[in-house]
Every structure is written in C-alpha cells, then in structure tokens.
C-alpha atoms as a PDB file:
ATOM      1  CA  ALA A   1      -6.267 -21.480  15.630  1.00  0.00           C
ATOM      2  CA  GLY A   2      -5.450 -19.129  12.846  1.00  0.00           C
ATOM      3  CA  MET A   3      -1.704 -19.466  11.744  1.00  0.00           C
ATOM      4  CA  SER A   4      -0.896 -17.268   8.711  1.00  0.00           C
ATOM      5  CA  GLY A   5       2.912 -17.602   9.221  1.00  0.00           C
ATOM      6  CA  GLY A   6       2.822 -14.262  10.637  1.00  0.00           C
ATOM      7  CA  LYS A   7       4.512 -13.509  14.065  1.00  0.00           C
ATOM      8  CA  ASP A   8       1.401 -12.542  16.036  1.00  0.00           C
ATOM      9  CA  SER A   9      -0.548 -15.750  14.965  1.00  0.00           C
ATOM     10  CA  THR A  10       2.858 -17.618  15.748  1.00  0.00           C
ATOM     11  CA  ALA A  11       2.813 -15.975  19.168  1.00  0.00           C
ATOM     12  CA  MET A  12      -0.671 -17.037  19.879  1.00  0.00           C
ATOM     13  CA  ALA A  13       0.338 -20.678  19.138  1.00  0.00           C
ATOM     14  CA  LEU A  14       3.037 -20.517  21.708  1.00  0.00           C
ATOM     15  CA  TRP A  15       1.195 -18.797  24.161  1.00  0.00           C
ATOM     16  CA  LEU A  16      -1.737 -21.450  23.814  1.00  0.00           C
ATOM     17  CA  ARG A  17       0.890 -24.424  24.216  1.00  0.00           C
ATOM     18  CA  GLU A  18       2.380 -22.667  27.277  1.00  0.00           C
ATOM     19  CA  HIS A  19      -0.976 -22.716  29.023  1.00  0.00           C
ATOM     20  CA  GLY A  20      -1.699 -26.349  27.991  1.00  0.00           C
ATOM     21  CA  ILE A  21      -4.573 -25.426  25.592  1.00  0.00           C
ATOM     22  CA  GLU A  22      -4.982 -27.946  22.734  1.00  0.00           C
ATOM     23  CA  PHE A  23      -5.895 -26.499  19.413  1.00  0.00           C
ATOM     24  CA  GLU A  24      -5.675 -27.175  15.695  1.00  0.00           C
ATOM     25  CA  GLY A  25      -3.638 -24.765  13.524  1.00  0.00           C
ATOM     26  CA  VAL A  26      -5.577 -23.747  10.438  1.00  0.00           C
ATOM     27  CA  PHE A  27      -3.919 -21.907   7.372  1.00  0.00           C
ATOM     28  CA  CYS A  28      -5.990 -20.165   5.010  1.00  0.00           C
ATOM     29  CA  ASP A  29      -4.054 -20.402   1.694  1.00  0.00           C
ATOM     30  CA  THR A  30      -4.730 -17.394  -0.654  1.00  0.00           C
ATOM     31  CA  GLY A  31      -2.647 -18.854  -3.315  1.00  0.00           C
ATOM     32  CA  TRP A  32      -1.031 -15.517  -3.105  1.00  0.00           C
ATOM     33  CA  GLU A  33       1.316 -15.623  -0.315  1.00  0.00           C
ATOM     34  CA  ALA A  34       5.220 -15.518  -0.590  1.00  0.00           C
ATOM     35  CA  ASP A  35       7.336 -18.702  -1.155  1.00  0.00           C
ATOM     36  CA  VAL A  36       9.045 -17.783   2.011  1.00  0.00           C
ATOM     37  CA  THR A  37       5.915 -18.058   4.052  1.00  0.00           C
ATOM     38  CA  TYR A  38       4.893 -21.413   2.611  1.00  0.00           C
ATOM     39  CA  GLU A  39       8.151 -22.680   3.441  1.00  0.00           C
ATOM     40  CA  TYR A  40       8.026 -21.081   6.906  1.00  0.00           C
ATOM     41  CA  VAL A  41       4.491 -22.875   7.536  1.00  0.00           C
ATOM     42  CA  ARG A  42       5.743 -26.260   6.395  1.00  0.00           C
ATOM     43  CA  GLU A  43       9.268 -26.050   7.589  1.00  0.00           C
ATOM     44  CA  THR A  44       8.889 -24.319  10.775  1.00  0.00           C
ATOM     45  CA  LEU A  45       5.403 -24.124  12.160  1.00  0.00           C
ATOM     46  CA  GLU A  46       4.191 -27.702  11.296  1.00  0.00           C
ATOM     47  CA  PRO A  47       7.334 -29.567  12.930  1.00  0.00           C
ATOM     48  CA  LEU A  48       6.844 -27.217  16.057  1.00  0.00           C
ATOM     49  CA  PHE A  49       3.056 -27.545  16.424  1.00  0.00           C
ATOM     50  CA  GLY A  50       2.140 -30.548  14.597  1.00  0.00           C
ATOM     51  CA  PRO A  51      -0.210 -30.974  11.253  1.00  0.00           C
ATOM     52  CA  ILE A  52      -1.824 -27.783  10.139  1.00  0.00           C
ATOM     53  CA  ARG A  53      -4.990 -27.848   8.086  1.00  0.00           C
ATOM     54  CA  TRP A  54      -4.651 -25.911   5.001  1.00  0.00           C
ATOM     55  CA  LEU A  55      -7.814 -24.584   3.705  1.00  0.00           C
ATOM     56  CA  GLN A  56      -8.397 -23.046   0.510  1.00  0.00           C
ATOM     57  CA  SER A  57     -11.210 -21.518  -1.493  1.00  0.00           C
ATOM     58  CA  LYS A  58     -13.397 -23.526  -3.828  1.00  0.00           C
ATOM     59  CA  LYS A  59     -12.952 -21.012  -6.572  1.00  0.00           C
ATOM     60  CA  GLY A  60      -9.063 -21.396  -6.470  1.00  0.00           C
ATOM     61  CA  GLY A  61      -6.506 -18.741  -5.402  1.00  0.00           C
ATOM     62  CA  LEU A  62      -6.419 -14.912  -5.983  1.00  0.00           C
ATOM     63  CA  ALA A  63      -4.930 -15.127  -9.208  1.00  0.00           C
ATOM     64  CA  ASP A  64      -7.474 -17.821 -10.291  1.00  0.00           C
ATOM     65  CA  ILE A  65     -10.521 -15.738  -9.140  1.00  0.00           C
ATOM     66  CA  ALA A  66      -9.183 -12.437 -10.276  1.00  0.00           C
ATOM     67  CA  LYS A  67      -9.132 -13.998 -13.742  1.00  0.00           C
ATOM     68  CA  SER A  68     -12.436 -15.536 -13.603  1.00  0.00           C
ATOM     69  CA  LYS A  69     -13.947 -12.197 -12.596  1.00  0.00           C
ATOM     70  CA  GLY A  70     -11.744 -10.128 -14.778  1.00  0.00           C
ATOM     71  CA  MET A  71     -10.857  -7.802 -11.802  1.00  0.00           C
ATOM     72  CA  PHE A  72      -8.740  -7.537  -8.878  1.00  0.00           C
ATOM     73  CA  PRO A  73     -10.013  -6.889  -5.351  1.00  0.00           C
ATOM     74  CA  SER A  74     -10.160  -3.105  -4.716  1.00  0.00           C
ATOM     75  CA  ARG A  75     -11.240  -0.414  -1.853  1.00  0.00           C
ATOM     76  CA  MET A  76     -14.877  -0.769  -3.121  1.00  0.00           C
ATOM     77  CA  ARG A  77     -14.978  -4.543  -4.185  1.00  0.00           C
ATOM     78  CA  ARG A  78     -12.663  -5.933  -1.629  1.00  0.00           C
ATOM     79  CA  TRP A  79     -13.920  -9.598  -2.352  1.00  0.00           C
ATOM     80  CA  CYS A  80     -10.389 -11.292  -1.284  1.00  0.00           C
ATOM     81  CA  THR A  81     -10.850 -11.609   2.444  1.00  0.00           C
ATOM     82  CA  GLN A  82     -14.229 -13.153   2.207  1.00  0.00           C
ATOM     83  CA  GLU A  83     -13.470 -15.505  -0.818  1.00  0.00           C
ATOM     84  CA  LEU A  84     -10.006 -16.543   0.252  1.00  0.00           C
ATOM     85  CA  LYS A  85     -10.245 -16.513   4.137  1.00  0.00           C
ATOM     86  CA  VAL A  86     -13.677 -16.117   5.677  1.00  0.00           C
ATOM     87  CA  PHE A  87     -15.504 -18.509   3.380  1.00  0.00           C
ATOM     88  CA  PRO A  88     -13.063 -21.282   3.518  1.00  0.00           C
ATOM     89  CA  LEU A  89     -12.845 -21.118   7.332  1.00  0.00           C
ATOM     90  CA  ARG A  90     -16.660 -21.032   7.811  1.00  0.00           C
ATOM     91  CA  ASP A  91     -17.126 -24.058   5.656  1.00  0.00           C
ATOM     92  CA  TYR A  92     -14.799 -25.714   7.795  1.00  0.00           C
ATOM     93  CA  LEU A  93     -15.913 -24.758  11.165  1.00  0.00           C
ATOM     94  CA  LYS A  94     -19.362 -25.570  10.141  1.00  0.00           C
ATOM     95  CA  SER A  95     -18.185 -29.197   9.171  1.00  0.00           C
ATOM     96  CA  VAL A  96     -16.858 -30.050  12.483  1.00  0.00           C
ATOM     97  CA  ASP A  97     -19.099 -32.196  14.962  1.00  0.00           C
ATOM     98  CA  PHE A  98     -18.272 -30.071  17.930  1.00  0.00           C
ATOM     99  CA  ASP A  99     -18.841 -26.367  18.916  1.00  0.00           C
ATOM    100  CA  PRO A 100     -15.431 -24.629  17.691  1.00  0.00           C
ATOM    101  CA  VAL A 101     -13.669 -21.654  18.986  1.00  0.00           C
ATOM    102  CA  SER A 102     -11.780 -19.678  16.286  1.00  0.00           C
ATOM    103  CA  ALA A 103      -8.781 -18.193  18.045  1.00  0.00           C
ATOM    104  CA  VAL A 104      -6.974 -15.467  16.145  1.00  0.00           C
ATOM    105  CA  GLY A 105      -3.883 -13.518  16.898  1.00  0.00           C
ATOM    106  CA  ILE A 106      -4.803 -10.021  16.482  1.00  0.00           C
ATOM    107  CA  ARG A 107      -3.661  -7.188  18.641  1.00  0.00           C
ATOM    108  CA  ALA A 108      -5.535  -3.768  19.470  1.00  0.00           C
ATOM    109  CA  GLY A 109      -2.225  -1.966  18.441  1.00  0.00           C
ATOM    110  CA  GLU A 110      -2.250  -2.976  14.876  1.00  0.00           C
ATOM    111  CA  SER A 111      -4.885  -0.581  13.837  1.00  0.00           C
ATOM    112  CA  LYS A 112      -7.859   1.653  14.825  1.00  0.00           C
ATOM    113  CA  ALA A 113     -10.338  -0.950  13.671  1.00  0.00           C
ATOM    114  CA  ARG A 114      -8.631  -3.604  15.893  1.00  0.00           C
ATOM    115  CA  GLY A 115      -8.466  -1.298  18.868  1.00  0.00           C
ATOM    116  CA  ARG A 116     -12.219  -1.543  18.898  1.00  0.00           C
ATOM    117  CA  MET A 117     -12.110  -5.208  19.171  1.00  0.00           C
ATOM    118  CA  GLY A 118     -12.770  -7.288  22.214  1.00  0.00           C
ATOM    119  CA  GLU A 119     -11.284 -10.513  23.199  1.00  0.00           C
ATOM    120  CA  TRP A 120     -14.420 -12.423  22.732  1.00  0.00           C
ATOM    121  CA  GLU A 121     -17.294 -12.039  19.903  1.00  0.00           C
ATOM    122  CA  PHE A 122     -19.842 -14.330  18.475  1.00  0.00           C
ATOM    123  CA  ASN A 123     -19.431 -14.556  14.715  1.00  0.00           C
ATOM    124  CA  ASP A 124     -22.730 -15.136  12.864  1.00  0.00           C
ATOM    125  CA  THR A 125     -20.866 -15.956   9.759  1.00  0.00           C
ATOM    126  CA  TYR A 126     -18.880 -18.772  11.416  1.00  0.00           C
ATOM    127  CA  ASP A 127     -21.719 -19.466  13.812  1.00  0.00           C
ATOM    128  CA  ALA A 128     -18.811 -19.748  16.488  1.00  0.00           C
ATOM    129  CA  ASP A 129     -17.095 -17.882  19.103  1.00  0.00           C
ATOM    130  CA  VAL A 130     -14.108 -15.766  18.110  1.00  0.00           C
ATOM    131  CA  TRP A 131     -11.371 -15.417  20.669  1.00  0.00           C
ATOM    132  CA  ARG A 132      -8.613 -12.954  20.531  1.00  0.00           C
ATOM    133  CA  PRO A 133      -6.123 -13.814  23.249  1.00  0.00           C
ATOM    134  CA  LEU A 134      -3.373 -11.473  22.378  1.00  0.00           C
ATOM    135  CA  ILE A 135      -5.855  -8.330  21.801  1.00  0.00           C
ATOM    136  CA  ALA A 136      -4.040  -6.468  24.568  1.00  0.00           C
ATOM    137  CA  TRP A 137      -0.423  -7.408  23.666  1.00  0.00           C
ATOM    138  CA  THR A 138       2.251  -5.184  22.358  1.00  0.00           C
ATOM    139  CA  GLU A 139       4.719  -5.905  19.850  1.00  0.00           C
ATOM    140  CA  GLN A 140       7.290  -6.250  22.262  1.00  0.00           C
ATOM    141  CA  ASP A 141       5.298  -9.183  23.997  1.00  0.00           C
ATOM    142  CA  VAL A 142       5.197 -10.868  20.689  1.00  0.00           C
ATOM    143  CA  ILE A 143       9.117 -10.669  20.219  1.00  0.00           C
ATOM    144  CA  ASP A 144       9.399 -11.621  23.889  1.00  0.00           C
ATOM    145  CA  ILE A 145       7.441 -15.128  23.569  1.00  0.00           C
ATOM    146  CA  HIS A 146       9.473 -15.846  20.311  1.00  0.00           C
ATOM    147  CA  THR A 147      12.584 -15.242  22.133  1.00  0.00           C
ATOM    148  CA  ARG A 148      11.451 -17.175  25.070  1.00  0.00           C
ATOM    149  CA  HIS A 149      11.054 -20.314  22.811  1.00  0.00           C
ATOM    150  CA  GLY A 150      14.044 -19.853  20.715  1.00  0.00           C
ATOM    151  CA  ILE A 151      11.841 -19.418  17.713  1.00  0.00           C
ATOM    152  CA  THR A 152      12.758 -16.991  14.511  1.00  0.00           C
ATOM    153  CA  PRO A 153       9.762 -15.427  12.992  1.00  0.00           C
ATOM    154  CA  ASN A 154       9.018 -15.429   9.317  1.00  0.00           C
ATOM    155  CA  PRO A 155      12.415 -14.703   7.383  1.00  0.00           C
ATOM    156  CA  LEU A 156      10.287 -11.752   5.610  1.00  0.00           C
ATOM    157  CA  TYR A 157      10.486  -9.642   8.829  1.00  0.00           C
ATOM    158  CA  MET A 158      14.141  -9.990   8.768  1.00  0.00           C
ATOM    159  CA  ARG A 159      14.327  -8.704   5.175  1.00  0.00           C
ATOM    160  CA  GLY A 160      12.566  -5.394   6.300  1.00  0.00           C
ATOM    161  CA  SER A 161       8.707  -6.341   5.678  1.00  0.00           C
ATOM    162  CA  ARG A 162       6.208  -5.043   8.275  1.00  0.00           C
ATOM    163  CA  ARG A 163       3.775  -7.538   7.444  1.00  0.00           C
ATOM    164  CA  VAL A 164       3.243 -10.997   5.850  1.00  0.00           C
ATOM    165  CA  GLY A 165       0.431 -12.522   4.239  1.00  0.00           C
ATOM    166  CA  CYS A 166      -0.794 -11.809   0.681  1.00  0.00           C
ATOM    167  CA  TRP A 167       2.320 -10.838  -1.260  1.00  0.00           C
ATOM    168  CA  PRO A 168       1.461  -8.119  -1.875  1.00  0.00           C
ATOM    169  CA  CYS A 169      -1.839  -7.184  -0.341  1.00  0.00           C
ATOM    170  CA  ILE A 170      -4.173  -5.267  -2.797  1.00  0.00           C
ATOM    171  CA  MET A 171      -3.926  -2.575   0.011  1.00  0.00           C
ATOM    172  CA  SER A 172      -0.193  -2.270  -0.019  1.00  0.00           C
ATOM    173  CA  ARG A 173       1.518   1.092   0.011  1.00  0.00           C
ATOM    174  CA  LYS A 174       3.754   2.203  -2.859  1.00  0.00           C
ATOM    175  CA  LYS A 175       6.576   1.748  -0.306  1.00  0.00           C
ATOM    176  CA  GLU A 176       5.689  -1.771   0.245  1.00  0.00           C
ATOM    177  CA  ILE A 177       5.406  -2.607  -3.390  1.00  0.00           C
ATOM    178  CA  ALA A 178       9.004  -1.092  -3.762  1.00  0.00           C
ATOM    179  CA  HIS A 179      10.178  -3.309  -0.974  1.00  0.00           C
ATOM    180  CA  ILE A 180       8.946  -6.476  -2.884  1.00  0.00           C
ATOM    181  CA  ALA A 181      10.563  -5.313  -6.182  1.00  0.00           C
ATOM    182  CA  ASP A 182      13.913  -4.839  -4.066  1.00  0.00           C
ATOM    183  CA  THR A 183      13.708  -8.138  -2.541  1.00  0.00           C
ATOM    184  CA  ASP A 184      11.640 -10.392  -4.755  1.00  0.00           C
ATOM    185  CA  PRO A 185      11.772  -8.874  -8.248  1.00  0.00           C
ATOM    186  CA  SER A 186      10.398 -12.212  -9.957  1.00  0.00           C
ATOM    187  CA  ARG A 187       7.198 -11.387  -7.911  1.00  0.00           C
ATOM    188  CA  ILE A 188       6.662  -8.033  -9.662  1.00  0.00           C
ATOM    189  CA  ASP A 189       7.230 -10.177 -13.058  1.00  0.00           C
ATOM    190  CA  MET A 190       4.255 -12.365 -11.952  1.00  0.00           C
ATOM    191  CA  MET A 191       2.297  -9.409 -11.063  1.00  0.00           C
ATOM    192  CA  ARG A 192       2.984  -7.993 -14.398  1.00  0.00           C
ATOM    193  CA  GLN A 193       1.542 -11.030 -16.157  1.00  0.00           C
ATOM    194  CA  LEU A 194      -1.449 -11.384 -13.959  1.00  0.00           C
ATOM    195  CA  GLU A 195      -2.291  -7.958 -14.562  1.00  0.00           C
ATOM    196  CA  ALA A 196      -2.056  -8.498 -18.436  1.00  0.00           C
ATOM    197  CA  ASP A 197      -4.148 -11.826 -18.067  1.00  0.00           C
ATOM    198  CA  VAL A 198      -6.987  -9.937 -15.977  1.00  0.00           C
ATOM    199  CA  THR A 199      -7.122  -7.078 -18.293  1.00  0.00           C
ATOM    200  CA  ALA A 200      -7.430  -9.319 -21.451  1.00  0.00           C
ATOM    201  CA  LYS A 201     -10.515 -11.119 -19.432  1.00  0.00           C
ATOM    202  CA  ALA A 202     -12.074  -7.888 -18.708  1.00  0.00           C
ATOM    203  CA  HIS A 203     -11.948  -6.822 -22.337  1.00  0.00           C
ATOM    204  CA  GLN A 204     -13.464 -10.066 -23.312  1.00  0.00           C
ATOM    205  CA  ARG A 205     -16.237  -9.511 -20.912  1.00  0.00           C
ATOM    206  CA  ALA A 206     -16.923  -5.870 -21.984  1.00  0.00           C
END
C-alpha cells in the first residue's frame, strides 16, 4: 500500500484496516518532501499502521539527481516520477517472493487523467496488478474516514496546502510556491541554492 503521507493514501490504509486486509505500507522517499511530511510518516503513520518500508532511488534524491544531470525535471523531461517513485517501487515489487498487488490511494475526482483510470489494472512495469480502492471516493469520504478514526491528516493541509508530496513539485503553480514562501521560507533558500548548484553543473557540461 503506497503511503505518501497524504490524506488519500492514509484514508486508503484506514479503509484496508477496516476491512481486515493485511498490507505493508510503502513510502517512496524522493528526498524532496517537506520535513513535516517525514515527521508525519514516522510519528503518526508508523505508530498507527506498523513499520513502513522506505524506498529510495539508487541514484539518490531529487536534488542529487538534478545536480548529476545538470537539469531539473520539466514538462518535456519529467524524469522525477520514474526515477524517484516508479523505479524504486518496481525494483521492490520484483524482489518479493509472492505475487504482489500495488494498492494506491488515487481518486477519480483529483484530475481528468485520474478520472479515466479504473479500479484495477495490470502494470507491465511492476509486473503486478495495481488496485485503486478509493477511485470512486469523494474528498468528503476521505475526510469522513479520518474523522471516524480520530486521525489528524498531514499538518500541511491545516496550513493551507492543497496537496503534499514533493515540496514543491516541479509542476507547482506560482500560488503554491508563494504559499511555501509564506509558510516555509527556509525552503525557498534551499531551492535558490539548488538552482545555483544545478546551473553551475549545467555550465560545466556545456
């Protein structure tokens, strides 16, 4: 069960537990999550659901790979999802000695692309079935199951974030970047330094 620290994946884990479905929580660490998210996974989710398996790219986190490539992910070269999430999960699923099912907390209402997804799908990359048990859920359903279990979602939501995960995602809107600048200004300093490092690497390779 993919556990990102977001409200949907937490809702899925709660639903699986309600139905007596045993699962192993898996967290794909991009190396670019908010400190609050790391704390939430360790201090809230692991005590609640048991040990969570942390997966990382063999190439390092987002910052490491960006420096190595001399470039950030972009719309045209969006390497981050594959390098930091897909490949680490693929490698783990192929290492187990049973037929795994990858459960993900995706809802159709999140986007048009997700609205076209079904509940079940065989994924060739993972060589495994992908299950989306919350695909038909609404955001209110997600809130309700948190409330029912007395679970507080990731504090980033309480601070006004619409989503958690990469902090920030390369696809973030200006409004989202401004929100980070207001609530986590040290992150902006980190981004500024990383931009300088990646630019310097790009010039070396030119």
